[in-house]
């Protein structure tokens, strides 16, 4: 038997992809357990743990550009943008490129590119209910979250809570942040939150974007 490593090519499961597309159409969000391979999740988690140990993360904020600010009462994670520096990152981004093509082919959303960052939540951290699209520049179209936490306890907190688009007080689902679980949802229609975590919580948050370049202004601007 050949031991497979994170750089071994692997594609997404066709049945899971079909269900993802159907769920985006029917309700605006998808949750798939074991959607991403365990070996890749382990490699990505080890990379994030290395960034935590070497203080290679920056505090997550809200808003962009001149409106960016730190609000620990709203968001408590620390992040590092994926930069293709590791084989594991390149593998994951290749899978997301495949997913982008599949979504565009099925839903004609015109997704242009994918951006993503590691997210580390220390014990006690949370992210209050929010939408992912930014007011006035809604170029984030589809959001993704990949969880990297093996054997997450049911009482560990840190779940993603998904709320109804017409009533943010009505909870539709809670997603345990277990390694390999993948969440995909429409960025401007699905309110969601990260509930307070009782253990260090690792994930990758990502967004498929639509190209909004106009009048010499290049978008996206990271």
N, C-alpha and C. Protein backbone atom coordinates (compact mmCIF):
# COMPACT_ATOMS: atom_id res chain seq x y z
N UNK A 1 0.85 -1.19 0.00
CA UNK A 1 0.00 0.00 0.00
C UNK A 1 0.89 1.24 0.00
N UNK A 2 0.58 2.21 -0.84
CA UNK A 2 1.32 3.46 -0.90
C UNK A 2 0.70 4.48 0.03
N UNK A 3 1.51 5.06 0.88
CA UNK A 3 1.02 6.08 1.80
C UNK A 3 0.78 7.36 1.02
N UNK A 4 -0.44 7.85 1.08
CA UNK A 4 -0.78 9.06 0.36
C UNK A 4 -0.43 10.28 1.20
N UNK A 5 0.17 11.25 0.59
CA UNK A 5 0.56 12.48 1.26
C UNK A 5 -0.31 13.62 0.73
N UNK A 6 -0.27 14.81 1.40
CA UNK A 6 -1.14 15.91 0.97
C UNK A 6 -0.90 16.38 -0.46
N UNK A 7 0.26 16.06 -1.05
CA UNK A 7 0.50 16.53 -2.42
C UNK A 7 0.01 15.53 -3.46
N UNK A 8 -0.60 14.41 -3.02
CA UNK A 8 -1.15 13.46 -3.97
C UNK A 8 -2.45 14.01 -4.53
N UNK A 9 -2.61 14.08 -5.87
CA UNK A 9 -3.83 14.66 -6.44
C UNK A 9 -5.07 13.91 -5.96
N UNK A 10 -6.10 14.67 -5.65
CA UNK A 10 -7.37 14.10 -5.23
C UNK A 10 -8.46 15.08 -5.60
N UNK A 11 -9.58 14.60 -6.09
CA UNK A 11 -10.67 15.47 -6.49
C UNK A 11 -11.80 15.38 -5.47
N UNK A 12 -12.72 16.31 -5.56
CA UNK A 12 -13.89 16.30 -4.69
C UNK A 12 -14.88 15.25 -5.15
N UNK A 13 -15.64 14.72 -4.21
CA UNK A 13 -16.61 13.67 -4.50
C UNK A 13 -17.76 14.23 -5.33
N UNK A 14 -18.09 13.57 -6.44
CA UNK A 14 -19.13 14.05 -7.34
C UNK A 14 -20.49 14.13 -6.66
N UNK A 15 -20.81 13.14 -5.84
CA UNK A 15 -22.11 13.14 -5.17
C UNK A 15 -22.21 14.28 -4.17
N UNK A 16 -21.12 14.52 -3.44
CA UNK A 16 -21.11 15.63 -2.49
C UNK A 16 -21.20 16.97 -3.22
N UNK A 17 -20.53 17.10 -4.35
CA UNK A 17 -20.61 18.32 -5.14
C UNK A 17 -22.03 18.57 -5.61
N UNK A 18 -22.70 17.53 -6.08
CA UNK A 18 -24.08 17.68 -6.56
C UNK A 18 -24.99 18.13 -5.42
N UNK A 19 -24.79 17.55 -4.23
CA UNK A 19 -25.61 17.95 -3.08
C UNK A 19 -25.31 19.38 -2.67
N UNK A 20 -24.03 19.79 -2.75
CA UNK A 20 -23.66 21.16 -2.43
C UNK A 20 -24.40 22.14 -3.33
N UNK A 21 -24.39 21.89 -4.63
CA UNK A 21 -25.07 22.78 -5.57
C UNK A 21 -26.57 22.81 -5.30
N UNK A 22 -27.16 21.64 -5.07
CA UNK A 22 -28.60 21.58 -4.80
C UNK A 22 -28.96 22.36 -3.54
N UNK A 23 -28.13 22.22 -2.48
CA UNK A 23 -28.43 22.92 -1.23
C UNK A 23 -28.27 24.43 -1.37
N UNK A 24 -27.29 24.88 -2.15
CA UNK A 24 -27.15 26.32 -2.39
C UNK A 24 -28.39 26.88 -3.06
N UNK A 25 -28.95 26.13 -3.99
CA UNK A 25 -30.15 26.56 -4.70
C UNK A 25 -31.36 26.52 -3.78
N UNK A 26 -31.51 25.42 -3.05
CA UNK A 26 -32.73 25.20 -2.27
C UNK A 26 -32.81 26.04 -1.01
N UNK A 27 -31.68 26.20 -0.30
CA UNK A 27 -31.75 26.90 0.99
C UNK A 27 -30.63 27.90 1.21
N UNK A 28 -29.64 27.94 0.30
CA UNK A 28 -28.58 28.93 0.42
C UNK A 28 -27.37 28.48 1.20
N UNK A 29 -27.36 27.26 1.74
CA UNK A 29 -26.21 26.79 2.52
C UNK A 29 -26.11 25.28 2.46
N UNK A 30 -24.86 24.80 2.64
CA UNK A 30 -24.54 23.38 2.57
C UNK A 30 -23.58 23.04 3.69
N UNK A 31 -23.78 21.87 4.31
CA UNK A 31 -22.84 21.34 5.29
C UNK A 31 -22.51 19.90 4.90
N UNK A 32 -21.23 19.61 4.72
CA UNK A 32 -20.81 18.27 4.34
C UNK A 32 -19.74 17.74 5.28
N UNK A 33 -20.02 16.64 5.95
CA UNK A 33 -19.01 16.00 6.79
C UNK A 33 -18.08 15.17 5.92
N UNK A 34 -16.80 15.10 6.30
CA UNK A 34 -15.78 14.34 5.57
C UNK A 34 -15.69 14.82 4.11
N UNK A 35 -15.96 16.08 3.88
CA UNK A 35 -15.94 16.63 2.52
C UNK A 35 -14.51 16.78 2.00
N UNK A 36 -13.59 17.12 2.91
CA UNK A 36 -12.18 17.29 2.57
C UNK A 36 -11.39 16.20 3.27
N UNK A 37 -10.43 15.64 2.56
CA UNK A 37 -9.64 14.49 3.02
C UNK A 37 -8.95 14.75 4.35
N UNK A 38 -8.94 13.72 5.21
CA UNK A 38 -8.38 13.84 6.56
C UNK A 38 -6.88 14.12 6.54
N UNK A 39 -6.15 13.53 5.58
CA UNK A 39 -4.70 13.76 5.50
C UNK A 39 -4.40 15.22 5.20
N UNK A 40 -5.15 15.80 4.30
CA UNK A 40 -4.96 17.21 3.97
C UNK A 40 -5.34 18.09 5.15
N UNK A 41 -6.44 17.78 5.82
CA UNK A 41 -6.84 18.56 6.99
C UNK A 41 -5.76 18.53 8.07
N UNK A 42 -5.15 17.38 8.27
CA UNK A 42 -4.09 17.26 9.27
C UNK A 42 -2.89 18.13 8.90
N UNK A 43 -2.50 18.12 7.63
CA UNK A 43 -1.36 18.93 7.20
C UNK A 43 -1.65 20.42 7.37
N UNK A 44 -2.87 20.83 7.03
CA UNK A 44 -3.24 22.23 7.19
C UNK A 44 -3.29 22.63 8.66
N UNK A 45 -3.80 21.75 9.51
CA UNK A 45 -3.85 22.05 10.94
C UNK A 45 -2.44 22.19 11.52
N UNK A 46 -1.52 21.31 11.13
CA UNK A 46 -0.15 21.41 11.62
C UNK A 46 0.48 22.74 11.18
N UNK A 47 0.17 23.16 9.96
CA UNK A 47 0.70 24.44 9.49
C UNK A 47 0.17 25.60 10.33
N UNK A 48 -1.13 25.57 10.63
CA UNK A 48 -1.71 26.61 11.46
C UNK A 48 -1.13 26.58 12.87
N UNK A 49 -0.94 25.40 13.43
CA UNK A 49 -0.35 25.30 14.75
C UNK A 49 1.06 25.89 14.78
N UNK A 50 1.82 25.70 13.67
CA UNK A 50 3.13 26.31 13.58
C UNK A 50 3.06 27.83 13.57
N UNK A 51 2.06 28.38 12.89
CA UNK A 51 1.88 29.83 12.86
C UNK A 51 1.51 30.36 14.23
N UNK A 52 0.69 29.62 14.96
CA UNK A 52 0.34 30.03 16.32
C UNK A 52 1.59 30.03 17.20
N UNK A 53 2.40 28.99 17.09
CA UNK A 53 3.58 28.86 17.94
C UNK A 53 4.62 29.94 17.66
N UNK A 54 4.71 30.39 16.42
CA UNK A 54 5.71 31.39 16.03
C UNK A 54 5.13 32.80 15.95
N UNK A 55 3.92 32.97 16.46
CA UNK A 55 3.24 34.27 16.45
C UNK A 55 3.13 34.82 15.03
N UNK A 56 2.77 33.93 14.11
CA UNK A 56 2.63 34.32 12.71
C UNK A 56 1.23 34.71 12.30
N UNK A 57 0.35 34.94 13.27
CA UNK A 57 -1.03 35.34 12.99
C UNK A 57 -1.25 36.79 13.35
N UNK A 58 -2.25 37.39 12.73
CA UNK A 58 -2.66 38.75 13.07
C UNK A 58 -4.11 38.73 13.55
N UNK A 59 -4.45 39.66 14.40
CA UNK A 59 -5.81 39.69 14.95
C UNK A 59 -6.81 40.00 13.84
N UNK A 60 -7.89 39.24 13.82
CA UNK A 60 -8.94 39.48 12.84
C UNK A 60 -9.73 40.74 13.20
N UNK A 61 -10.09 41.50 12.18
CA UNK A 61 -10.86 42.71 12.39
C UNK A 61 -12.15 42.68 11.59
N UNK A 62 -12.87 43.78 11.62
CA UNK A 62 -14.09 43.92 10.82
C UNK A 62 -13.94 45.10 9.89
N UNK A 63 -14.58 45.03 8.72
CA UNK A 63 -14.45 46.09 7.73
C UNK A 63 -13.19 45.93 6.91
N UNK A 64 -13.10 46.73 5.85
CA UNK A 64 -11.95 46.67 4.95
C UNK A 64 -11.41 48.05 4.68
N UNK A 65 -10.14 48.08 4.24
CA UNK A 65 -9.53 49.35 3.88
C UNK A 65 -9.52 50.31 5.05
N UNK A 66 -9.97 51.55 4.80
CA UNK A 66 -9.97 52.57 5.84
C UNK A 66 -10.99 52.32 6.92
N UNK A 67 -11.93 51.39 6.69
CA UNK A 67 -12.94 51.09 7.70
C UNK A 67 -12.56 49.89 8.57
N UNK A 68 -11.38 49.31 8.32
CA UNK A 68 -10.96 48.13 9.09
C UNK A 68 -10.61 48.53 10.52
N UNK A 69 -11.13 47.77 11.48
CA UNK A 69 -10.82 48.05 12.88
C UNK A 69 -10.95 46.77 13.69
N UNK A 70 -10.25 46.74 14.82
CA UNK A 70 -10.33 45.60 15.73
C UNK A 70 -11.49 45.80 16.68
N UNK A 71 -12.30 44.76 16.82
CA UNK A 71 -13.43 44.78 17.76
C UNK A 71 -13.49 43.42 18.43
N UNK A 72 -12.79 43.28 19.55
CA UNK A 72 -12.74 41.99 20.23
C UNK A 72 -14.08 41.63 20.85
N UNK A 73 -14.99 42.61 20.98
CA UNK A 73 -16.32 42.32 21.47
C UNK A 73 -17.21 41.71 20.38
N UNK A 74 -16.71 41.73 19.12
CA UNK A 74 -17.44 41.16 18.00
C UNK A 74 -16.74 39.92 17.46
N UNK A 75 -15.42 39.98 17.37
CA UNK A 75 -14.65 38.93 16.71
C UNK A 75 -13.36 38.68 17.47
N UNK A 76 -13.07 37.39 17.79
CA UNK A 76 -11.92 37.10 18.63
C UNK A 76 -10.87 36.18 18.04
N UNK A 77 -10.88 35.99 16.71
CA UNK A 77 -9.93 35.08 16.10
C UNK A 77 -8.68 35.80 15.64
N UNK A 78 -7.65 35.03 15.30
CA UNK A 78 -6.43 35.53 14.67
C UNK A 78 -6.27 34.78 13.36
N UNK A 79 -5.70 35.46 12.33
CA UNK A 79 -5.75 34.92 10.98
C UNK A 79 -4.39 34.99 10.29
N UNK A 80 -4.29 34.23 9.20
CA UNK A 80 -3.15 34.30 8.29
C UNK A 80 -3.67 33.95 6.90
N UNK A 81 -3.53 34.86 5.95
CA UNK A 81 -4.03 34.63 4.60
C UNK A 81 -3.23 33.53 3.90
N UNK A 82 -3.92 32.65 3.22
CA UNK A 82 -3.25 31.62 2.44
C UNK A 82 -2.45 32.26 1.32
N UNK A 83 -1.19 31.80 1.17
CA UNK A 83 -0.27 32.43 0.22
C UNK A 83 0.42 31.42 -0.70
N UNK A 84 -0.06 30.17 -0.70
CA UNK A 84 0.48 29.11 -1.55
C UNK A 84 1.91 28.72 -1.18
N UNK A 85 2.35 29.04 0.02
CA UNK A 85 3.72 28.75 0.40
C UNK A 85 3.96 27.28 0.72
N UNK A 86 2.89 26.53 0.99
CA UNK A 86 3.05 25.12 1.32
C UNK A 86 2.31 24.26 0.32
N UNK A 87 2.73 22.98 0.24
CA UNK A 87 2.06 22.04 -0.65
C UNK A 87 0.61 21.82 -0.21
N UNK A 88 0.38 21.79 1.10
CA UNK A 88 -0.98 21.60 1.59
C UNK A 88 -1.89 22.75 1.17
N UNK A 89 -1.40 23.97 1.27
CA UNK A 89 -2.19 25.11 0.80
C UNK A 89 -2.49 25.01 -0.69
N UNK A 90 -1.49 24.67 -1.47
CA UNK A 90 -1.69 24.58 -2.93
C UNK A 90 -2.71 23.50 -3.26
N UNK A 91 -2.66 22.39 -2.53
CA UNK A 91 -3.62 21.31 -2.75
C UNK A 91 -5.03 21.79 -2.43
N UNK A 92 -5.20 22.44 -1.29
CA UNK A 92 -6.53 22.91 -0.91
C UNK A 92 -7.05 23.95 -1.90
N UNK A 93 -6.19 24.86 -2.31
CA UNK A 93 -6.62 25.89 -3.26
C UNK A 93 -6.97 25.29 -4.61
N UNK A 94 -6.29 24.21 -4.99
CA UNK A 94 -6.64 23.51 -6.23
C UNK A 94 -8.04 22.90 -6.13
N UNK A 95 -8.36 22.32 -4.97
CA UNK A 95 -9.70 21.79 -4.77
C UNK A 95 -10.75 22.90 -4.84
N UNK A 96 -10.44 24.06 -4.28
CA UNK A 96 -11.37 25.18 -4.34
C UNK A 96 -11.53 25.71 -5.76
N UNK A 97 -10.46 25.66 -6.55
CA UNK A 97 -10.57 26.06 -7.95
C UNK A 97 -11.52 25.12 -8.71
N UNK A 98 -11.43 23.84 -8.39
CA UNK A 98 -12.35 22.87 -8.98
C UNK A 98 -13.78 23.16 -8.55
N UNK A 99 -13.97 23.45 -7.27
CA UNK A 99 -15.31 23.78 -6.78
C UNK A 99 -15.84 25.04 -7.45
N UNK A 100 -14.99 26.03 -7.64
CA UNK A 100 -15.40 27.26 -8.32
C UNK A 100 -15.94 26.97 -9.71
N UNK A 101 -15.24 26.12 -10.46
CA UNK A 101 -15.70 25.76 -11.79
C UNK A 101 -17.03 25.03 -11.75
N UNK A 102 -17.18 24.14 -10.78
CA UNK A 102 -18.43 23.39 -10.67
C UNK A 102 -19.60 24.31 -10.35
N UNK A 103 -19.41 25.25 -9.44
CA UNK A 103 -20.49 26.17 -9.09
C UNK A 103 -20.82 27.08 -10.26
N UNK A 104 -19.79 27.59 -10.93
CA UNK A 104 -20.04 28.45 -12.09
C UNK A 104 -20.79 27.70 -13.19
N UNK A 105 -20.41 26.45 -13.41
CA UNK A 105 -21.04 25.66 -14.45
C UNK A 105 -22.51 25.41 -14.15
N UNK A 106 -22.80 25.19 -12.86
CA UNK A 106 -24.17 24.84 -12.49
C UNK A 106 -25.06 26.05 -12.23
N UNK A 107 -24.49 27.12 -11.67
CA UNK A 107 -25.31 28.23 -11.20
C UNK A 107 -25.05 29.55 -11.92
N UNK A 108 -24.05 29.58 -12.80
CA UNK A 108 -23.75 30.77 -13.60
C UNK A 108 -23.55 32.01 -12.72
N UNK A 109 -22.76 31.86 -11.65
CA UNK A 109 -22.55 32.97 -10.72
C UNK A 109 -21.40 33.88 -11.13
N UNK A 110 -20.61 33.48 -12.11
CA UNK A 110 -19.49 34.32 -12.53
C UNK A 110 -18.43 34.49 -11.47
N UNK A 111 -18.19 33.45 -10.68
CA UNK A 111 -17.16 33.54 -9.64
C UNK A 111 -15.80 33.72 -10.30
N UNK A 112 -15.02 34.67 -9.78
CA UNK A 112 -13.80 35.12 -10.44
C UNK A 112 -12.54 34.58 -9.79
N UNK A 113 -12.52 34.51 -8.47
CA UNK A 113 -11.35 34.02 -7.76
C UNK A 113 -11.73 33.62 -6.35
N UNK A 114 -10.78 33.01 -5.66
CA UNK A 114 -11.00 32.53 -4.30
C UNK A 114 -9.92 33.11 -3.40
N UNK A 115 -10.32 33.62 -2.25
CA UNK A 115 -9.38 34.07 -1.22
C UNK A 115 -9.73 33.36 0.08
N UNK A 116 -8.71 33.12 0.91
CA UNK A 116 -8.97 32.36 2.14
C UNK A 116 -7.89 32.65 3.17
N UNK A 117 -8.24 32.45 4.43
CA UNK A 117 -7.24 32.57 5.50
C UNK A 117 -7.46 31.51 6.56
N UNK A 118 -6.35 31.12 7.20
CA UNK A 118 -6.44 30.34 8.42
C UNK A 118 -7.13 31.20 9.50
N UNK A 119 -7.87 30.54 10.38
CA UNK A 119 -8.47 31.24 11.52
C UNK A 119 -8.25 30.40 12.78
N UNK A 120 -7.72 31.03 13.80
CA UNK A 120 -7.48 30.36 15.08
C UNK A 120 -8.26 31.11 16.16
N UNK A 121 -9.15 30.38 16.83
CA UNK A 121 -9.93 30.92 17.93
C UNK A 121 -9.40 30.34 19.24
N UNK A 122 -8.84 31.16 20.12
CA UNK A 122 -8.43 30.64 21.43
C UNK A 122 -9.65 30.39 22.30
N UNK A 123 -9.50 29.63 23.39
CA UNK A 123 -10.64 29.39 24.27
C UNK A 123 -11.31 30.70 24.70
N UNK A 124 -12.63 30.72 24.62
CA UNK A 124 -13.40 31.91 24.98
C UNK A 124 -13.72 32.81 23.81
N UNK A 125 -13.07 32.62 22.66
CA UNK A 125 -13.28 33.50 21.52
C UNK A 125 -14.58 33.13 20.79
N UNK A 126 -15.10 34.10 20.05
CA UNK A 126 -16.35 33.95 19.33
C UNK A 126 -16.38 34.95 18.17
N UNK A 127 -17.42 34.86 17.35
CA UNK A 127 -17.65 35.84 16.29
C UNK A 127 -19.17 36.04 16.23
N UNK A 128 -19.62 37.24 16.54
CA UNK A 128 -21.05 37.51 16.61
C UNK A 128 -21.71 37.38 15.22
N UNK A 129 -23.02 37.31 15.24
CA UNK A 129 -23.80 37.10 14.02
C UNK A 129 -23.50 38.18 12.98
N UNK A 130 -23.27 37.74 11.74
CA UNK A 130 -22.92 38.67 10.68
C UNK A 130 -23.18 38.04 9.32
N UNK A 131 -23.15 38.87 8.28
CA UNK A 131 -23.10 38.44 6.89
C UNK A 131 -21.70 38.69 6.36
N UNK A 132 -21.31 37.96 5.32
CA UNK A 132 -19.94 38.07 4.80
C UNK A 132 -19.78 39.11 3.71
N UNK A 133 -20.84 39.53 3.08
CA UNK A 133 -20.71 40.55 2.04
C UNK A 133 -20.60 41.92 2.69
N UNK A 134 -19.80 42.78 2.08
CA UNK A 134 -19.57 44.11 2.62
C UNK A 134 -20.53 45.11 1.99
N UNK A 135 -21.05 45.98 2.81
CA UNK A 135 -22.04 46.95 2.36
C UNK A 135 -21.47 47.82 1.24
N UNK A 136 -22.18 47.85 0.12
CA UNK A 136 -21.77 48.67 -1.02
C UNK A 136 -20.81 48.01 -1.98
N UNK A 137 -20.14 46.92 -1.57
CA UNK A 137 -19.21 46.21 -2.45
C UNK A 137 -19.40 44.72 -2.25
N UNK A 138 -20.57 44.23 -2.64
CA UNK A 138 -20.93 42.83 -2.37
C UNK A 138 -20.28 41.92 -3.41
N UNK A 139 -18.93 41.89 -3.43
CA UNK A 139 -18.25 41.03 -4.40
C UNK A 139 -17.90 39.66 -3.83
N UNK A 140 -18.10 39.46 -2.55
CA UNK A 140 -18.00 38.11 -2.00
C UNK A 140 -19.36 37.44 -2.21
N UNK A 141 -19.36 36.38 -3.02
CA UNK A 141 -20.61 35.78 -3.45
C UNK A 141 -20.91 34.49 -2.69
N UNK A 142 -19.92 33.62 -2.58
CA UNK A 142 -20.09 32.33 -1.90
C UNK A 142 -18.98 32.18 -0.86
N UNK A 143 -19.38 31.87 0.36
CA UNK A 143 -18.43 31.71 1.47
C UNK A 143 -18.19 30.23 1.74
N UNK A 144 -17.02 29.92 2.27
CA UNK A 144 -16.69 28.55 2.65
C UNK A 144 -15.99 28.54 4.00
N UNK A 145 -16.16 27.44 4.73
CA UNK A 145 -15.40 27.21 5.96
C UNK A 145 -15.02 25.74 5.98
N UNK A 146 -13.74 25.47 6.18
CA UNK A 146 -13.24 24.12 6.38
C UNK A 146 -12.73 24.01 7.81
N UNK A 147 -13.19 22.99 8.54
CA UNK A 147 -12.75 22.80 9.91
C UNK A 147 -11.60 21.81 9.96
N UNK A 148 -10.67 22.03 10.92
CA UNK A 148 -9.42 21.28 11.00
C UNK A 148 -9.21 20.61 12.35
N UNK A 149 -10.28 20.44 13.13
CA UNK A 149 -10.15 19.98 14.52
C UNK A 149 -10.55 18.51 14.65
N UNK A 150 -9.58 17.60 14.81
CA UNK A 150 -9.94 16.19 14.94
C UNK A 150 -10.56 15.90 16.31
N UNK A 151 -11.55 15.01 16.32
CA UNK A 151 -12.16 14.54 17.57
C UNK A 151 -12.67 15.69 18.44
N UNK A 152 -13.37 16.62 17.81
CA UNK A 152 -13.92 17.75 18.56
C UNK A 152 -15.04 17.25 19.48
N UNK A 153 -14.99 17.57 20.78
CA UNK A 153 -16.03 17.08 21.71
C UNK A 153 -17.36 17.79 21.49
N UNK A 154 -18.45 17.08 21.74
CA UNK A 154 -19.77 17.65 21.50
C UNK A 154 -20.04 18.83 22.44
N UNK A 155 -19.33 18.89 23.58
CA UNK A 155 -19.51 20.00 24.50
C UNK A 155 -18.36 21.01 24.40
N UNK A 156 -17.65 20.99 23.26
CA UNK A 156 -16.49 21.86 23.10
C UNK A 156 -16.81 23.28 22.68
N UNK A 157 -18.09 23.56 22.39
CA UNK A 157 -18.43 24.89 21.90
C UNK A 157 -17.86 25.12 20.52
N UNK A 158 -17.77 26.40 20.11
CA UNK A 158 -17.16 26.76 18.84
C UNK A 158 -17.96 26.39 17.62
N UNK A 159 -19.25 26.02 17.78
CA UNK A 159 -20.04 25.67 16.60
C UNK A 159 -20.32 26.91 15.74
N UNK A 160 -20.53 26.67 14.45
CA UNK A 160 -21.11 27.70 13.61
C UNK A 160 -22.63 27.61 13.75
N UNK A 161 -23.25 28.71 14.10
CA UNK A 161 -24.70 28.79 14.14
C UNK A 161 -25.17 29.47 12.86
N UNK A 162 -26.11 28.86 12.18
CA UNK A 162 -26.67 29.40 10.94
C UNK A 162 -28.09 29.86 11.23
N UNK A 163 -28.41 31.09 10.80
CA UNK A 163 -29.69 31.70 11.11
C UNK A 163 -30.50 31.96 9.83
N UNK A 164 -31.80 32.14 10.01
CA UNK A 164 -32.69 32.43 8.88
C UNK A 164 -32.40 33.82 8.33
N UNK A 165 -32.46 33.94 7.01
CA UNK A 165 -32.16 35.23 6.38
C UNK A 165 -33.20 36.29 6.72
N UNK A 166 -34.43 35.87 7.03
CA UNK A 166 -35.49 36.84 7.35
C UNK A 166 -35.67 37.07 8.84
N UNK A 167 -34.90 36.36 9.67
CA UNK A 167 -35.02 36.52 11.12
C UNK A 167 -33.75 35.97 11.76
N UNK A 168 -32.81 36.84 12.09
CA UNK A 168 -31.52 36.41 12.62
C UNK A 168 -31.62 35.82 14.02
N UNK A 169 -32.81 35.85 14.62
CA UNK A 169 -33.00 35.21 15.92
C UNK A 169 -33.39 33.74 15.77
N UNK A 170 -33.76 33.34 14.55
CA UNK A 170 -34.22 31.97 14.33
C UNK A 170 -33.06 31.11 13.83
N UNK A 171 -32.59 30.23 14.69
CA UNK A 171 -31.45 29.37 14.36
C UNK A 171 -31.91 28.19 13.54
N UNK A 172 -31.20 27.93 12.43
CA UNK A 172 -31.54 26.83 11.54
C UNK A 172 -30.66 25.61 11.77
N UNK A 173 -29.40 25.83 12.14
CA UNK A 173 -28.47 24.71 12.30
C UNK A 173 -27.28 25.14 13.15
N UNK A 174 -26.64 24.13 13.77
CA UNK A 174 -25.35 24.32 14.42
C UNK A 174 -24.39 23.30 13.85
N UNK A 175 -23.20 23.76 13.48
CA UNK A 175 -22.22 22.91 12.82
C UNK A 175 -21.04 22.70 13.76
N UNK A 176 -20.80 21.45 14.13
CA UNK A 176 -19.66 21.12 14.97
C UNK A 176 -18.38 21.30 14.15
N UNK A 177 -17.35 21.97 14.69
CA UNK A 177 -16.14 22.25 13.91
C UNK A 177 -15.18 21.06 13.81
N UNK A 178 -15.69 19.94 13.36
CA UNK A 178 -14.93 18.69 13.26
C UNK A 178 -14.11 18.67 11.97
N UNK A 179 -12.89 18.17 12.05
CA UNK A 179 -11.99 18.12 10.89
C UNK A 179 -12.68 17.45 9.70
N UNK A 180 -12.55 18.09 8.54
CA UNK A 180 -13.12 17.56 7.31
C UNK A 180 -14.49 18.08 6.98
N UNK A 181 -15.19 18.64 7.98
CA UNK A 181 -16.50 19.22 7.71
C UNK A 181 -16.33 20.52 6.95
N UNK A 182 -17.14 20.69 5.92
CA UNK A 182 -17.03 21.84 5.00
C UNK A 182 -18.39 22.50 4.91
N UNK A 183 -18.41 23.82 5.11
CA UNK A 183 -19.64 24.61 5.02
C UNK A 183 -19.50 25.57 3.85
N UNK A 184 -20.56 25.68 3.06
CA UNK A 184 -20.57 26.57 1.90
C UNK A 184 -21.92 27.29 1.88
N UNK A 185 -21.91 28.61 1.69
CA UNK A 185 -23.18 29.34 1.76
C UNK A 185 -23.08 30.65 0.97
N UNK A 186 -24.24 31.20 0.65
CA UNK A 186 -24.32 32.46 -0.08
C UNK A 186 -23.95 33.60 0.87
N UNK A 187 -22.96 34.38 0.49
CA UNK A 187 -22.34 35.33 1.41
C UNK A 187 -23.28 36.42 1.90
N UNK A 188 -24.20 36.85 1.05
CA UNK A 188 -25.05 37.99 1.41
C UNK A 188 -26.42 37.58 1.92
N UNK A 189 -26.64 36.26 2.10
CA UNK A 189 -27.99 35.80 2.46
C UNK A 189 -28.04 34.94 3.71
N UNK A 190 -26.91 34.53 4.23
CA UNK A 190 -26.91 33.56 5.35
C UNK A 190 -26.23 34.18 6.57
N UNK A 191 -27.01 34.71 7.51
CA UNK A 191 -26.42 35.18 8.76
C UNK A 191 -25.86 33.99 9.54
N UNK A 192 -24.70 34.20 10.15
CA UNK A 192 -24.07 33.11 10.88
C UNK A 192 -23.19 33.68 11.97
N UNK A 193 -22.81 32.81 12.90
CA UNK A 193 -21.97 33.22 14.02
C UNK A 193 -21.09 32.05 14.43
N UNK A 194 -19.98 32.37 15.10
CA UNK A 194 -19.17 31.36 15.77
C UNK A 194 -19.46 31.48 17.26
N UNK A 195 -20.00 30.43 17.84
CA UNK A 195 -20.32 30.44 19.26
C UNK A 195 -19.04 30.32 20.09
N UNK A 196 -19.04 30.81 21.33
CA UNK A 196 -17.83 30.76 22.15
C UNK A 196 -17.25 29.35 22.22
N UNK A 197 -15.95 29.26 22.00
CA UNK A 197 -15.28 27.97 22.00
C UNK A 197 -14.61 27.70 23.34
N UNK A 198 -14.59 26.44 23.73
CA UNK A 198 -13.95 26.05 24.99
C UNK A 198 -12.55 25.48 24.77
N UNK A 199 -12.18 25.28 23.52
CA UNK A 199 -10.87 24.73 23.16
C UNK A 199 -10.30 25.53 21.99
N UNK A 200 -8.98 25.50 21.77
CA UNK A 200 -8.43 26.13 20.57
C UNK A 200 -9.10 25.56 19.33
N UNK A 201 -9.56 26.42 18.45
CA UNK A 201 -10.39 26.04 17.30
C UNK A 201 -9.72 26.48 16.01
N UNK A 202 -9.54 25.55 15.07
CA UNK A 202 -8.80 25.83 13.83
C UNK A 202 -9.72 25.64 12.63
N UNK A 203 -9.61 26.55 11.67
CA UNK A 203 -10.42 26.47 10.46
C UNK A 203 -9.76 27.26 9.35
N UNK A 204 -10.32 27.13 8.15
CA UNK A 204 -9.96 27.99 7.02
C UNK A 204 -11.25 28.62 6.51
N UNK A 205 -11.32 29.93 6.55
CA UNK A 205 -12.45 30.66 6.00
C UNK A 205 -12.09 31.15 4.60
N UNK A 206 -13.03 31.03 3.67
CA UNK A 206 -12.74 31.44 2.29
C UNK A 206 -13.95 32.04 1.61
N UNK A 207 -13.67 32.74 0.51
CA UNK A 207 -14.73 33.41 -0.24
C UNK A 207 -14.45 33.34 -1.73
N UNK A 208 -15.45 32.92 -2.47
CA UNK A 208 -15.42 33.06 -3.92
C UNK A 208 -15.96 34.45 -4.25
N UNK A 209 -15.19 35.16 -5.08
CA UNK A 209 -15.51 36.55 -5.37
C UNK A 209 -15.88 36.74 -6.83
N UNK A 210 -16.69 37.75 -7.06
CA UNK A 210 -17.01 38.19 -8.41
C UNK A 210 -16.14 39.38 -8.74
N UNK A 211 -15.64 39.44 -9.97
CA UNK A 211 -14.78 40.55 -10.38
C UNK A 211 -15.61 41.82 -10.49
N UNK A 212 -15.28 42.82 -9.66
CA UNK A 212 -16.01 44.07 -9.68
C UNK A 212 -15.14 45.24 -10.15
N UNK A 213 -14.11 44.95 -10.95
CA UNK A 213 -13.24 46.01 -11.45
C UNK A 213 -14.04 46.94 -12.35
N UNK A 214 -13.83 48.23 -12.19
CA UNK A 214 -14.55 49.21 -13.01
C UNK A 214 -13.82 50.53 -12.99
N UNK A 215 -13.85 51.24 -14.12
CA UNK A 215 -13.32 52.60 -14.24
C UNK A 215 -11.90 52.70 -13.70
N UNK A 216 -11.07 51.73 -14.04
CA UNK A 216 -9.67 51.76 -13.65
C UNK A 216 -9.40 51.32 -12.23
N UNK A 217 -10.45 51.05 -11.46
CA UNK A 217 -10.28 50.57 -10.10
C UNK A 217 -10.24 49.05 -10.12
N UNK A 218 -9.09 48.49 -9.74
CA UNK A 218 -8.92 47.05 -9.81
C UNK A 218 -9.49 46.40 -8.54
N UNK A 219 -10.32 45.44 -8.77
CA UNK A 219 -10.88 44.64 -7.69
C UNK A 219 -10.60 43.18 -8.02
N UNK A 220 -10.25 42.31 -7.11
CA UNK A 220 -10.27 42.54 -5.66
C UNK A 220 -9.02 43.23 -5.13
N UNK A 221 -9.20 43.89 -4.03
CA UNK A 221 -8.07 44.47 -3.27
C UNK A 221 -8.06 43.80 -1.90
N UNK A 222 -7.00 43.06 -1.61
CA UNK A 222 -6.95 42.29 -0.37
C UNK A 222 -6.57 43.19 0.78
